[in-house]
Amino acid sequence: MNSFKGIPIESGQKYAHPAGFTAIRNGMKQRPAAAGQSRQPLPPWLKIRLPTGARYAEVREIVHKHALSTVCEEAMCPNIGECWSSGTATIMLMGSVCTRACRFCAVDTGNPRGWLDEEEPANAAESVALMGLRYVVLTSVDRDDLGDGGAAHYAACVRAIKARNPATAVEALTPDFAGSRDSVATVVGSGIEVFAHNLETVRRLTSTVRDPRAAYDQSLAVLAAARSMSDSLLVKSSLMLGLGETDDEIWEAMDDLREAGVELLTLGQYLRPTVNHLPVQRFVHPDDFASYREAGLRRGFREVVSGALVRSSYRAERALEGNNAGL
């Protein structure tokens, strides 16, 4: 449960955002059928340590002081303790309210009506400097209320970070920009080293798992467009497993991603954020994750970071070293 000005906001409840619009906490409205449901018990390999330590507290203070939204917090990432304790964070641009409502995602849903924080590029650049990052991931909510999906704001943040931190590599983990090649070009041309966009799931499950405005082929087209715009750019994507996909469907998705020019792939376990979201259909065993990684490498991916708690930006800088992020 979160709160604004001391007023508790339950998951699935509509609230008034300080920027002047309404949103739904955690993205999914409360469902009567979900009342009284409990979380599914986790297998032993999915036990998560609570975030602790001075370095974690230091990073948390920097993020909050500069009014930055991080996917680490907003999406309830299970790796927040590990990543923040090592002094890294994934910055979520353009606020913490998404215009879409994917059934796997815990980010709040609403219509920001064009609102943007004009100070965010400078704050992001300063925060990267304070944290001493050599590699930063910038991600964002979907902003269908903006004509370019927020691409120009993305580019402004990248340029500000590069100007303040010229040695820092930047990965942009973007939405699909409603399929706009011009928006993709804006981000690609901003100076990033890695362009990432998540396919999320297999073709058959896309309409069940993702918002209706998202599409399997549209995501592939965005990735292929980025690949075509720069020879030096690394292109990356991610799949969640445990939503009911078959192995053959995973192979198909891998093949489609390779055809689109994707070089880096992450595979992780879907975990249900609230009882209002999709239930887990399968807890994938670590041995299966290892097998999926080998299958991906055989298909020509430069690296496949595969594990139960892997998320798209998990230890991103180490994936570029071709070591499965140390897993």
C-alpha atoms as a PDB file:
ATOM      1  CA  MET A   1       0.000   0.000   0.000  1.00  0.00           C
ATOM      2  CA  ASN A   2       1.315   3.441  -0.949  1.00  0.00           C
ATOM      3  CA  SER A   3       0.149   6.905   0.023  1.00  0.00           C
ATOM      4  CA  PHE A   4       0.024  10.523  -1.074  1.00  0.00           C
ATOM      5  CA  LYS A   5       0.119  13.135   1.714  1.00  0.00           C
ATOM      6  CA  GLY A   6      -0.446  10.403   4.282  1.00  0.00           C
ATOM      7  CA  ILE A   7      -3.605   9.057   2.634  1.00  0.00           C
ATOM      8  CA  PRO A   8      -3.268   5.291   2.025  1.00  0.00           C
ATOM      9  CA  ILE A   9      -3.837   4.073  -1.534  1.00  0.00           C
ATOM     10  CA  GLU A  10      -4.576   0.380  -2.005  1.00  0.00           C
ATOM     11  CA  SER A  11      -3.564  -1.579  -5.074  1.00  0.00           C
ATOM     12  CA  GLY A  12      -6.201  -1.166  -7.772  1.00  0.00           C
ATOM     13  CA  GLN A  13      -7.606   2.043  -6.251  1.00  0.00           C
ATOM     14  CA  LYS A  14      -8.002   5.260  -8.267  1.00  0.00           C
ATOM     15  CA  TYR A  15      -6.269   8.315  -6.815  1.00  0.00           C
ATOM     16  CA  ALA A  16      -5.559  11.953  -7.658  1.00  0.00           C
ATOM     17  CA  HIS A  17      -1.960  12.423  -8.793  1.00  0.00           C
ATOM     18  CA  PRO A  18      -0.203  15.606  -7.585  1.00  0.00           C
ATOM     19  CA  ALA A  19       0.407  16.624 -11.232  1.00  0.00           C
ATOM     20  CA  GLY A  20      -3.345  17.055 -11.725  1.00  0.00           C
ATOM     21  CA  PHE A  21      -4.661  13.818 -13.226  1.00  0.00           C
ATOM     22  CA  THR A  22      -6.087  10.558 -11.912  1.00  0.00           C
ATOM     23  CA  ALA A  23      -4.360   7.182 -11.960  1.00  0.00           C
ATOM     24  CA  ILE A  24      -4.850   3.608 -10.774  1.00  0.00           C
ATOM     25  CA  ARG A  25      -2.385   2.238  -8.242  1.00  0.00           C
ATOM     26  CA  ASN A  26      -0.403  -0.696  -9.691  1.00  0.00           C
ATOM     27  CA  GLY A  27      -2.212  -0.446 -13.026  1.00  0.00           C
ATOM     28  CA  MET A  28      -4.998  -2.988 -12.540  1.00  0.00           C
ATOM     29  CA  LYS A  29      -8.402  -2.153 -11.069  1.00  0.00           C
ATOM     30  CA  GLN A  30      -9.515  -4.230  -8.100  1.00  0.00           C
ATOM     31  CA  ARG A  31     -11.350  -7.354  -9.183  1.00  0.00           C
ATOM     32  CA  PRO A  32     -14.061  -8.846  -6.922  1.00  0.00           C
ATOM     33  CA  ALA A  33     -12.886 -12.339  -7.892  1.00  0.00           C
ATOM     34  CA  ALA A  34      -9.437 -11.522  -6.491  1.00  0.00           C
ATOM     35  CA  ALA A  35     -10.714 -10.648  -3.017  1.00  0.00           C
ATOM     36  CA  GLY A  36      -9.284 -12.964  -0.405  1.00  0.00           C
ATOM     37  CA  GLN A  37      -6.731 -14.513  -2.763  1.00  0.00           C
ATOM     38  CA  SER A  38      -3.270 -15.089  -1.364  1.00  0.00           C
ATOM     39  CA  ARG A  39       0.065 -15.017  -3.135  1.00  0.00           C
ATOM     40  CA  GLN A  40       1.320 -18.257  -4.646  1.00  0.00           C
ATOM     41  CA  PRO A  41       4.088 -19.898  -2.599  1.00  0.00           C
ATOM     42  CA  LEU A  42       7.520 -19.466  -4.161  1.00  0.00           C
ATOM     43  CA  PRO A  43       9.949 -22.315  -4.864  1.00  0.00           C
ATOM     44  CA  PRO A  44      13.294 -22.283  -2.992  1.00  0.00           C
ATOM     45  CA  TRP A  45      15.236 -20.720  -5.884  1.00  0.00           C
ATOM     46  CA  LEU A  46      12.997 -17.626  -5.822  1.00  0.00           C
ATOM     47  CA  LYS A  47      13.674 -16.475  -2.291  1.00  0.00           C
ATOM     48  CA  ILE A  48      14.513 -12.753  -2.336  1.00  0.00           C
ATOM     49  CA  ARG A  49      16.697 -11.019   0.226  1.00  0.00           C
ATOM     50  CA  LEU A  50      15.386  -7.763   1.637  1.00  0.00           C
ATOM     51  CA  PRO A  51      17.362  -4.673   0.562  1.00  0.00           C
ATOM     52  CA  THR A  52      19.790  -3.495   3.237  1.00  0.00           C
ATOM     53  CA  GLY A  53      23.149  -1.783   3.611  1.00  0.00           C
ATOM     54  CA  ALA A  54      24.654   1.693   3.587  1.00  0.00           C
ATOM     55  CA  ARG A  55      25.206   1.741  -0.194  1.00  0.00           C
ATOM     56  CA  TYR A  56      21.561   0.811  -0.839  1.00  0.00           C
ATOM     57  CA  ALA A  57      20.445   3.624   1.470  1.00  0.00           C
ATOM     58  CA  GLU A  58      22.781   6.082  -0.268  1.00  0.00           C
ATOM     59  CA  VAL A  59      21.422   5.301  -3.731  1.00  0.00           C
ATOM     60  CA  ARG A  60      17.845   5.455  -2.446  1.00  0.00           C
ATOM     61  CA  GLU A  61      18.472   8.901  -0.973  1.00  0.00           C
ATOM     62  CA  ILE A  62      19.919  10.207  -4.257  1.00  0.00           C
ATOM     63  CA  VAL A  63      17.000   8.868  -6.297  1.00  0.00           C
ATOM     64  CA  HIS A  64      14.403  10.377  -3.982  1.00  0.00           C
ATOM     65  CA  LYS A  65      16.220  13.680  -3.510  1.00  0.00           C
ATOM     66  CA  HIS A  66      16.190  14.306  -7.254  1.00  0.00           C
ATOM     67  CA  ALA A  67      12.555  13.229  -7.682  1.00  0.00           C
ATOM     68  CA  LEU A  68      13.480  10.390 -10.042  1.00  0.00           C
ATOM     69  CA  SER A  69      11.181   7.480 -10.705  1.00  0.00           C
ATOM     70  CA  THR A  70      13.010   4.158 -10.963  1.00  0.00           C
ATOM     71  CA  VAL A  71      11.693   0.947 -12.421  1.00  0.00           C
ATOM     72  CA  CYS A  72      13.411  -0.688  -9.462  1.00  0.00           C
ATOM     73  CA  GLU A  73      10.729   0.699  -7.146  1.00  0.00           C
ATOM     74  CA  GLU A  74       7.746   1.293  -9.417  1.00  0.00           C
ATOM     75  CA  ALA A  75       7.797  -2.191 -10.978  1.00  0.00           C
ATOM     76  CA  MET A  76       8.619  -3.918  -7.670  1.00  0.00           C
ATOM     77  CA  CYS A  77      11.836  -5.382  -9.094  1.00  0.00           C
ATOM     78  CA  PRO A  78      13.137  -8.298  -6.983  1.00  0.00           C
ATOM     79  CA  ASN A  79      16.753  -7.233  -7.595  1.00  0.00           C
ATOM     80  CA  ILE A  80      16.508  -3.776  -6.048  1.00  0.00           C
ATOM     81  CA  GLY A  81      18.660  -4.773  -3.068  1.00  0.00           C
ATOM     82  CA  GLU A  82      21.436  -6.308  -5.172  1.00  0.00           C
ATOM     83  CA  CYS A  83      21.545  -3.553  -7.791  1.00  0.00           C
ATOM     84  CA  TRP A  84      21.210  -0.570  -5.473  1.00  0.00           C
ATOM     85  CA  SER A  85      23.707  -2.043  -3.014  1.00  0.00           C
ATOM     86  CA  SER A  86      26.218  -2.212  -5.872  1.00  0.00           C
ATOM     87  CA  GLY A  87      25.500   1.438  -6.730  1.00  0.00           C
ATOM     88  CA  THR A  88      23.396   1.020  -9.867  1.00  0.00           C
ATOM     89  CA  ALA A  89      19.823   1.941 -10.711  1.00  0.00           C
ATOM     90  CA  THR A  90      17.536   1.989 -13.726  1.00  0.00           C
ATOM     91  CA  ILE A  91      15.987   5.439 -14.090  1.00  0.00           C
ATOM     92  CA  MET A  92      12.366   5.577 -15.247  1.00  0.00           C
ATOM     93  CA  LEU A  93      11.709   8.726 -17.245  1.00  0.00           C
ATOM     94  CA  MET A  94       8.529  10.760 -17.748  1.00  0.00           C
ATOM     95  CA  GLY A  95       6.990   9.954 -14.378  1.00  0.00           C
ATOM     96  CA  SER A  96       5.571   6.826 -12.804  1.00  0.00           C
ATOM     97  CA  VAL A  97       2.126   6.748 -14.481  1.00  0.00           C
ATOM     98  CA  CYS A  98       1.738   4.787 -17.727  1.00  0.00           C
ATOM     99  CA  THR A  99      -0.961   5.328 -20.336  1.00  0.00           C
ATOM    100  CA  ARG A 100      -1.228   1.571 -20.835  1.00  0.00           C
ATOM    101  CA  ALA A 101      -2.390  -1.235 -18.566  1.00  0.00           C
ATOM    102  CA  CYS A 102      -0.491  -4.447 -19.267  1.00  0.00           C
ATOM    103  CA  ARG A 103      -1.740  -7.303 -17.108  1.00  0.00           C
ATOM    104  CA  PHE A 104       1.728  -8.251 -15.870  1.00  0.00           C
ATOM    105  CA  CYS A 105       2.917  -4.800 -14.798  1.00  0.00           C
ATOM    106  CA  ALA A 106       2.626  -3.043 -11.418  1.00  0.00           C
ATOM    107  CA  VAL A 107       3.263   0.491 -12.701  1.00  0.00           C
ATOM    108  CA  ASP A 108       0.357   2.892 -12.101  1.00  0.00           C
ATOM    109  CA  THR A 109      -1.988   3.576 -15.045  1.00  0.00           C
ATOM    110  CA  GLY A 110      -3.573   6.872 -16.066  1.00  0.00           C
ATOM    111  CA  ASN A 111      -3.453   9.750 -18.564  1.00  0.00           C
ATOM    112  CA  PRO A 112      -0.776  12.329 -17.666  1.00  0.00           C
ATOM    113  CA  ARG A 113      -2.244  14.694 -20.309  1.00  0.00           C
ATOM    114  CA  GLY A 114       1.088  15.854 -21.642  1.00  0.00           C
ATOM    115  CA  TRP A 115       2.731  16.484 -18.265  1.00  0.00           C
ATOM    116  CA  LEU A 116       6.536  16.294 -18.235  1.00  0.00           C
ATOM    117  CA  ASP A 117       9.157  17.316 -15.701  1.00  0.00           C
ATOM    118  CA  GLU A 118      11.304  19.891 -17.496  1.00  0.00           C
ATOM    119  CA  GLU A 119      14.041  19.484 -14.895  1.00  0.00           C
ATOM    120  CA  GLU A 120      14.307  15.718 -15.373  1.00  0.00           C
ATOM    121  CA  PRO A 121      17.203  15.726 -17.908  1.00  0.00           C
ATOM    122  CA  ALA A 122      19.368  17.820 -15.575  1.00  0.00           C
ATOM    123  CA  ASN A 123      18.327  15.817 -12.500  1.00  0.00           C
ATOM    124  CA  ALA A 124      19.045  12.519 -14.254  1.00  0.00           C
ATOM    125  CA  ALA A 125      22.485  13.710 -15.339  1.00  0.00           C
ATOM    126  CA  GLU A 126      23.342  14.941 -11.852  1.00  0.00           C
ATOM    127  CA  SER A 127      22.149  11.703 -10.245  1.00  0.00           C
ATOM    128  CA  VAL A 128      24.257   9.589 -12.606  1.00  0.00           C
ATOM    129  CA  ALA A 129      27.257  11.723 -11.639  1.00  0.00           C
ATOM    130  CA  LEU A 130      26.546  11.437  -7.902  1.00  0.00           C
ATOM    131  CA  MET A 131      26.211   7.645  -8.149  1.00  0.00           C
ATOM    132  CA  GLY A 132      29.376   7.391 -10.226  1.00  0.00           C
ATOM    133  CA  LEU A 133      27.763   5.196 -12.855  1.00  0.00           C
ATOM    134  CA  ARG A 134      29.747   3.976 -15.834  1.00  0.00           C
ATOM    135  CA  TYR A 135      26.636   2.390 -17.350  1.00  0.00           C
ATOM    136  CA  VAL A 136      23.064   3.564 -16.873  1.00  0.00           C
ATOM    137  CA  VAL A 137      19.757   2.200 -18.128  1.00  0.00           C
ATOM    138  CA  LEU A 138      17.032   4.705 -18.956  1.00  0.00           C
ATOM    139  CA  THR A 139      13.546   3.289 -19.256  1.00  0.00           C
ATOM    140  CA  SER A 140      10.098   4.830 -19.189  1.00  0.00           C
ATOM    141  CA  VAL A 141       6.391   4.366 -18.968  1.00  0.00           C
ATOM    142  CA  ASP A 142       4.367   4.406 -22.195  1.00  0.00           C
ATOM    143  CA  ARG A 143       3.280   7.949 -22.979  1.00  0.00           C
ATOM    144  CA  ASP A 144       0.637   7.688 -25.689  1.00  0.00           C
ATOM    145  CA  ASP A 145      -0.561  11.161 -24.623  1.00  0.00           C
ATOM    146  CA  LEU A 146       2.554  12.678 -26.238  1.00  0.00           C
ATOM    147  CA  GLY A 147       2.780  13.080 -30.001  1.00  0.00           C
ATOM    148  CA  ASP A 148       6.172  11.380 -30.225  1.00  0.00           C
ATOM    149  CA  GLY A 149       5.608   9.007 -27.313  1.00  0.00           C
ATOM    150  CA  GLY A 150       8.222  10.924 -25.345  1.00  0.00           C
ATOM    151  CA  ALA A 151      11.120  10.269 -27.723  1.00  0.00           C
ATOM    152  CA  ALA A 152      12.364  13.867 -27.646  1.00  0.00           C
ATOM    153  CA  HIS A 153      12.381  13.829 -23.841  1.00  0.00           C
ATOM    154  CA  TYR A 154      14.328  10.550 -23.905  1.00  0.00           C
ATOM    155  CA  ALA A 155      16.894  12.136 -26.210  1.00  0.00           C
ATOM    156  CA  ALA A 156      17.166  15.236 -24.027  1.00  0.00           C
ATOM    157  CA  CYS A 157      17.903  13.049 -20.995  1.00  0.00           C
ATOM    158  CA  VAL A 158      20.545  11.069 -22.882  1.00  0.00           C
ATOM    159  CA  ARG A 159      22.262  14.226 -24.109  1.00  0.00           C
ATOM    160  CA  ALA A 160      22.244  15.745 -20.625  1.00  0.00           C
ATOM    161  CA  ILE A 161      23.762  12.595 -19.135  1.00  0.00           C
ATOM    162  CA  LYS A 162      26.428  12.427 -21.820  1.00  0.00           C
ATOM    163  CA  ALA A 163      27.318  16.099 -21.380  1.00  0.00           C
ATOM    164  CA  ARG A 164      27.683  15.711 -17.613  1.00  0.00           C
ATOM    165  CA  ASN A 165      29.151  12.179 -17.726  1.00  0.00           C
ATOM    166  CA  PRO A 166      30.941  11.706 -21.077  1.00  0.00           C
ATOM    167  CA  ALA A 167      32.414   8.328 -20.103  1.00  0.00           C
ATOM    168  CA  THR A 168      29.064   6.825 -19.107  1.00  0.00           C
ATOM    169  CA  ALA A 169      27.467   4.326 -21.491  1.00  0.00           C
ATOM    170  CA  VAL A 170      23.694   4.662 -21.853  1.00  0.00           C
ATOM    171  CA  GLU A 171      21.115   1.984 -22.587  1.00  0.00           C
ATOM    172  CA  ALA A 172      17.632   3.179 -23.593  1.00  0.00           C
ATOM    173  CA  LEU A 173      14.931   0.634 -22.715  1.00  0.00           C
ATOM    174  CA  THR A 174      12.039   2.201 -24.590  1.00  0.00           C
ATOM    175  CA  PRO A 175       8.317   1.715 -25.149  1.00  0.00           C
ATOM    176  CA  ASP A 176       7.141   0.935 -28.681  1.00  0.00           C
ATOM    177  CA  PHE A 177       6.332   4.598 -29.530  1.00  0.00           C
ATOM    178  CA  ALA A 178       3.185   3.245 -31.248  1.00  0.00           C
ATOM    179  CA  GLY A 179       5.517   1.899 -33.928  1.00  0.00           C
ATOM    180  CA  SER A 180       6.875   5.319 -35.010  1.00  0.00           C
ATOM    181  CA  ARG A 181      10.190   5.014 -36.872  1.00  0.00           C
ATOM    182  CA  ASP A 182      10.754   8.751 -36.391  1.00  0.00           C
ATOM    183  CA  SER A 183      10.583   8.346 -32.612  1.00  0.00           C
ATOM    184  CA  VAL A 184      12.948   5.384 -32.729  1.00  0.00           C
ATOM    185  CA  ALA A 185      15.355   7.468 -34.833  1.00  0.00           C
ATOM    186  CA  THR A 186      15.207  10.304 -32.297  1.00  0.00           C
ATOM    187  CA  VAL A 187      16.356   7.986 -29.511  1.00  0.00           C
ATOM    188  CA  VAL A 188      18.930   6.133 -31.613  1.00  0.00           C
ATOM    189  CA  GLY A 189      20.443   9.443 -32.681  1.00  0.00           C
ATOM    190  CA  SER A 190      20.819  10.760 -29.134  1.00  0.00           C
ATOM    191  CA  GLY A 191      24.134   9.007 -28.486  1.00  0.00           C
ATOM    192  CA  ILE A 192      23.071   5.753 -26.798  1.00  0.00           C
ATOM    193  CA  GLU A 193      25.169   2.604 -26.906  1.00  0.00           C
ATOM    194  CA  VAL A 194      22.287   0.119 -26.472  1.00  0.00           C
ATOM    195  CA  PHE A 195      18.695   0.281 -27.747  1.00  0.00           C
ATOM    196  CA  ALA A 196      16.346  -2.051 -25.881  1.00  0.00           C
ATOM    197  CA  HIS A 197      12.652  -2.787 -26.266  1.00  0.00           C
ATOM    198  CA  ASN A 198      10.958  -5.756 -24.636  1.00  0.00           C
ATOM    199  CA  LEU A 199       8.916  -8.249 -26.613  1.00  0.00           C
ATOM    200  CA  GLU A 200       7.699  -9.446 -23.180  1.00  0.00           C
ATOM    201  CA  THR A 201       6.007 -12.712 -24.222  1.00  0.00           C
ATOM    202  CA  VAL A 202       5.345 -15.096 -27.099  1.00  0.00           C
ATOM    203  CA  ARG A 203       3.054 -14.289 -30.019  1.00  0.00           C
ATOM    204  CA  ARG A 204       0.029 -16.305 -28.800  1.00  0.00           C
ATOM    205  CA  LEU A 205      -0.029 -14.683 -25.357  1.00  0.00           C
ATOM    206  CA  THR A 206       0.608 -11.078 -26.401  1.00  0.00           C
ATOM    207  CA  SER A 207      -3.061 -10.034 -26.480  1.00  0.00           C
ATOM    208  CA  THR A 208      -3.624 -11.600 -23.049  1.00  0.00           C
ATOM    209  CA  VAL A 209      -0.512 -10.268 -21.351  1.00  0.00           C
ATOM    210  CA  ARG A 210       0.009  -6.825 -22.885  1.00  0.00           C
ATOM    211  CA  ASP A 211      -2.169  -3.752 -23.384  1.00  0.00           C
ATOM    212  CA  PRO A 212      -4.283  -3.856 -26.600  1.00  0.00           C
ATOM    213  CA  ARG A 213      -2.172  -1.012 -28.046  1.00  0.00           C
ATOM    214  CA  ALA A 214       0.918  -3.215 -27.876  1.00  0.00           C
ATOM    215  CA  ALA A 215       1.503  -5.812 -30.584  1.00  0.00           C
ATOM    216  CA  TYR A 216       4.012  -8.595 -31.147  1.00  0.00           C
ATOM    217  CA  ASP A 217       4.855  -7.579 -34.718  1.00  0.00           C
ATOM    218  CA  GLN A 218       4.932  -3.884 -33.805  1.00  0.00           C
ATOM    219  CA  SER A 219       7.597  -4.583 -31.172  1.00  0.00           C
ATOM    220  CA  LEU A 220       9.624  -6.604 -33.649  1.00  0.00           C
ATOM    221  CA  ALA A 221       9.370  -3.746 -36.160  1.00  0.00           C
ATOM    222  CA  VAL A 222      10.648  -1.241 -33.566  1.00  0.00           C
ATOM    223  CA  LEU A 223      13.668  -3.445 -32.834  1.00  0.00           C
ATOM    224  CA  ALA A 224      14.367  -3.984 -36.539  1.00  0.00           C
ATOM    225  CA  ALA A 225      14.122  -0.234 -37.172  1.00  0.00           C
ATOM    226  CA  ALA A 226      16.697   0.513 -34.472  1.00  0.00           C
ATOM    227  CA  ARG A 227      18.980  -2.170 -35.897  1.00  0.00           C
ATOM    228  CA  SER A 228      18.767  -0.625 -39.361  1.00  0.00           C
ATOM    229  CA  MET A 229      19.693   2.870 -38.140  1.00  0.00           C
ATOM    230  CA  SER A 230      23.148   2.172 -36.716  1.00  0.00           C
ATOM    231  CA  ASP A 231      25.791  -0.459 -37.344  1.00  0.00           C
ATOM    232  CA  SER A 232      27.490   0.145 -33.995  1.00  0.00           C
ATOM    233  CA  LEU A 233      24.349   0.071 -31.843  1.00  0.00           C
ATOM    234  CA  LEU A 234      23.616  -2.991 -29.731  1.00  0.00           C
ATOM    235  CA  VAL A 235      19.956  -4.081 -29.818  1.00  0.00           C
ATOM    236  CA  LYS A 236      18.380  -5.887 -26.882  1.00  0.00           C
ATOM    237  CA  SER A 237      15.057  -7.436 -25.852  1.00  0.00           C
ATOM    238  CA  SER A 238      13.494  -9.520 -23.084  1.00  0.00           C
ATOM    239  CA  LEU A 239      10.958 -12.273 -22.473  1.00  0.00           C
ATOM    240  CA  MET A 240       9.085 -13.186 -19.291  1.00  0.00           C
ATOM    241  CA  LEU A 241       8.548 -16.902 -18.765  1.00  0.00           C
ATOM    242  CA  GLY A 242       5.932 -18.707 -16.711  1.00  0.00           C
ATOM    243  CA  LEU A 243       2.826 -17.206 -18.324  1.00  0.00           C
ATOM    244  CA  GLY A 244       1.783 -20.383 -20.135  1.00  0.00           C
ATOM    245  CA  GLU A 245       4.154 -20.349 -23.111  1.00  0.00           C
ATOM    246  CA  THR A 246       5.516 -23.585 -24.596  1.00  0.00           C
ATOM    247  CA  ASP A 247       9.138 -24.296 -25.468  1.00  0.00           C
ATOM    248  CA  ASP A 248       8.303 -24.229 -29.185  1.00  0.00           C
ATOM    249  CA  GLU A 249       6.811 -20.756 -28.730  1.00  0.00           C
ATOM    250  CA  ILE A 250       9.968 -19.613 -26.935  1.00  0.00           C
ATOM    251  CA  TRP A 251      12.083 -20.888 -29.842  1.00  0.00           C
ATOM    252  CA  GLU A 252       9.803 -19.040 -32.285  1.00  0.00           C
ATOM    253  CA  ALA A 253      10.164 -15.795 -30.333  1.00  0.00           C
ATOM    254  CA  MET A 254      13.944 -16.212 -30.243  1.00  0.00           C
ATOM    255  CA  ASP A 255      14.034 -16.760 -33.995  1.00  0.00           C
ATOM    256  CA  ASP A 256      11.832 -13.703 -34.594  1.00  0.00           C
ATOM    257  CA  LEU A 257      14.092 -11.559 -32.397  1.00  0.00           C
ATOM    258  CA  ARG A 258      17.219 -12.732 -34.208  1.00  0.00           C
ATOM    259  CA  GLU A 259      15.587 -11.945 -37.558  1.00  0.00           C
ATOM    260  CA  ALA A 260      14.892  -8.430 -36.240  1.00  0.00           C
ATOM    261  CA  GLY A 261      18.588  -8.019 -35.463  1.00  0.00           C
ATOM    262  CA  VAL A 262      18.476  -8.421 -31.677  1.00  0.00           C
ATOM    263  CA  GLU A 263      21.860  -9.370 -30.198  1.00  0.00           C
ATOM    264  CA  LEU A 264      21.214  -9.368 -26.450  1.00  0.00           C
ATOM    265  CA  LEU A 265      18.349 -11.276 -24.818  1.00  0.00           C
ATOM    266  CA  THR A 266      17.244 -11.548 -21.192  1.00  0.00           C
ATOM    267  CA  LEU A 267      14.939 -14.265 -19.885  1.00  0.00           C
ATOM    268  CA  GLY A 268      13.333 -14.118 -16.450  1.00  0.00           C
ATOM    269  CA  GLN A 269      10.521 -15.533 -14.350  1.00  0.00           C
ATOM    270  CA  TYR A 270       7.193 -13.689 -14.340  1.00  0.00           C
ATOM    271  CA  LEU A 271       6.120 -12.937 -10.780  1.00  0.00           C
ATOM    272  CA  ARG A 272       2.583 -11.797 -10.070  1.00  0.00           C
ATOM    273  CA  PRO A 273       2.810  -8.297  -8.534  1.00  0.00           C
ATOM    274  CA  THR A 274      -0.733  -8.229  -7.054  1.00  0.00           C
ATOM    275  CA  VAL A 275      -3.781 -10.508  -6.994  1.00  0.00           C
ATOM    276  CA  ASN A 276      -5.346  -8.268  -9.653  1.00  0.00           C
ATOM    277  CA  HIS A 277      -2.654  -9.256 -12.183  1.00  0.00           C
ATOM    278  CA  LEU A 278      -2.194 -12.438 -14.215  1.00  0.00           C
ATOM    279  CA  PRO A 279      -1.400 -15.545 -12.151  1.00  0.00           C
ATOM    280  CA  VAL A 280       1.837 -17.476 -12.626  1.00  0.00           C
ATOM    281  CA  GLN A 281       1.296 -20.619 -14.717  1.00  0.00           C
ATOM    282  CA  ARG A 282       4.738 -22.147 -14.115  1.00  0.00           C
ATOM    283  CA  PHE A 283       7.796 -21.547 -11.980  1.00  0.00           C
ATOM    284  CA  VAL A 284      10.647 -22.224 -14.384  1.00  0.00           C
ATOM    285  CA  HIS A 285      13.432 -24.350 -12.871  1.00  0.00           C
ATOM    286  CA  PRO A 286      17.005 -22.966 -12.951  1.00  0.00           C
ATOM    287  CA  ASP A 287      18.064 -25.921 -15.115  1.00  0.00           C
ATOM    288  CA  ASP A 288      15.482 -24.887 -17.708  1.00  0.00           C
ATOM    289  CA  PHE A 289      16.749 -21.312 -17.668  1.00  0.00           C
ATOM    290  CA  ALA A 290      20.241 -22.659 -18.345  1.00  0.00           C
ATOM    291  CA  SER A 291      18.875 -24.740 -21.220  1.00  0.00           C
ATOM    292  CA  TYR A 292      17.074 -21.730 -22.695  1.00  0.00           C
ATOM    293  CA  ARG A 293      20.293 -19.724 -22.551  1.00  0.00           C
ATOM    294  CA  GLU A 294      22.158 -22.371 -24.527  1.00  0.00           C
ATOM    295  CA  ALA A 295      19.349 -22.507 -27.082  1.00  0.00           C
ATOM    296  CA  GLY A 296      19.596 -18.738 -27.505  1.00  0.00           C
ATOM    297  CA  LEU A 297      23.363 -18.787 -27.919  1.00  0.00           C
ATOM    298  CA  ARG A 298      23.023 -21.472 -30.595  1.00  0.00           C
ATOM    299  CA  ARG A 299      20.713 -19.107 -32.469  1.00  0.00           C
ATOM    300  CA  GLY A 300      23.429 -16.475 -32.588  1.00  0.00           C
ATOM    301  CA  PHE A 301      22.632 -14.076 -29.746  1.00  0.00           C
ATOM    302  CA  ARG A 302      25.751 -12.333 -28.473  1.00  0.00           C
ATOM    303  CA  GLU A 303      24.560 -13.038 -24.925  1.00  0.00           C
ATOM    304  CA  VAL A 304      21.487 -14.507 -23.231  1.00  0.00           C
ATOM    305  CA  VAL A 305      21.117 -13.560 -19.568  1.00  0.00           C
ATOM    306  CA  SER A 306      18.777 -16.223 -18.244  1.00  0.00           C
ATOM    307  CA  GLY A 307      17.611 -16.812 -14.686  1.00  0.00           C
ATOM    308  CA  ALA A 308      14.587 -16.731 -12.403  1.00  0.00           C
ATOM    309  CA  LEU A 309      15.229 -13.242 -11.005  1.00  0.00           C
ATOM    310  CA  VAL A 310      16.675 -11.745 -14.195  1.00  0.00           C
ATOM    311  CA  ARG A 311      14.946  -8.599 -15.418  1.00  0.00           C
ATOM    312  CA  SER A 312      15.665  -6.691 -18.620  1.00  0.00           C
ATOM    313  CA  SER A 313      18.105  -4.267 -16.993  1.00  0.00           C
ATOM    314  CA  TYR A 314      19.638  -6.714 -14.497  1.00  0.00           C
ATOM    315  CA  ARG A 315      23.433  -6.238 -14.397  1.00  0.00           C
ATOM    316  CA  ALA A 316      23.157  -4.808 -17.904  1.00  0.00           C
ATOM    317  CA  GLU A 317      26.785  -3.732 -18.117  1.00  0.00           C
ATOM    318  CA  ARG A 318      28.017  -7.275 -17.435  1.00  0.00           C
ATOM    319  CA  ALA A 319      25.840  -8.763 -20.153  1.00  0.00           C
ATOM    320  CA  LEU A 320      27.924  -6.826 -22.647  1.00  0.00           C
ATOM    321  CA  GLU A 321      30.954  -8.764 -21.417  1.00  0.00           C
ATOM    322  CA  GLY A 322      29.367 -12.031 -22.549  1.00  0.00           C
ATOM    323  CA  ASN A 323      29.341 -13.668 -19.111  1.00  0.00           C
ATOM    324  CA  ASN A 324      25.602 -14.148 -18.428  1.00  0.00           C
ATOM    325  CA  ALA A 325      25.834 -11.293 -15.879  1.00  0.00           C
ATOM    326  CA  GLY A 326      27.868 -13.525 -13.591  1.00  0.00           C
ATOM    327  CA  LEU A 327      25.026 -16.032 -13.110  1.00  0.00           C
END
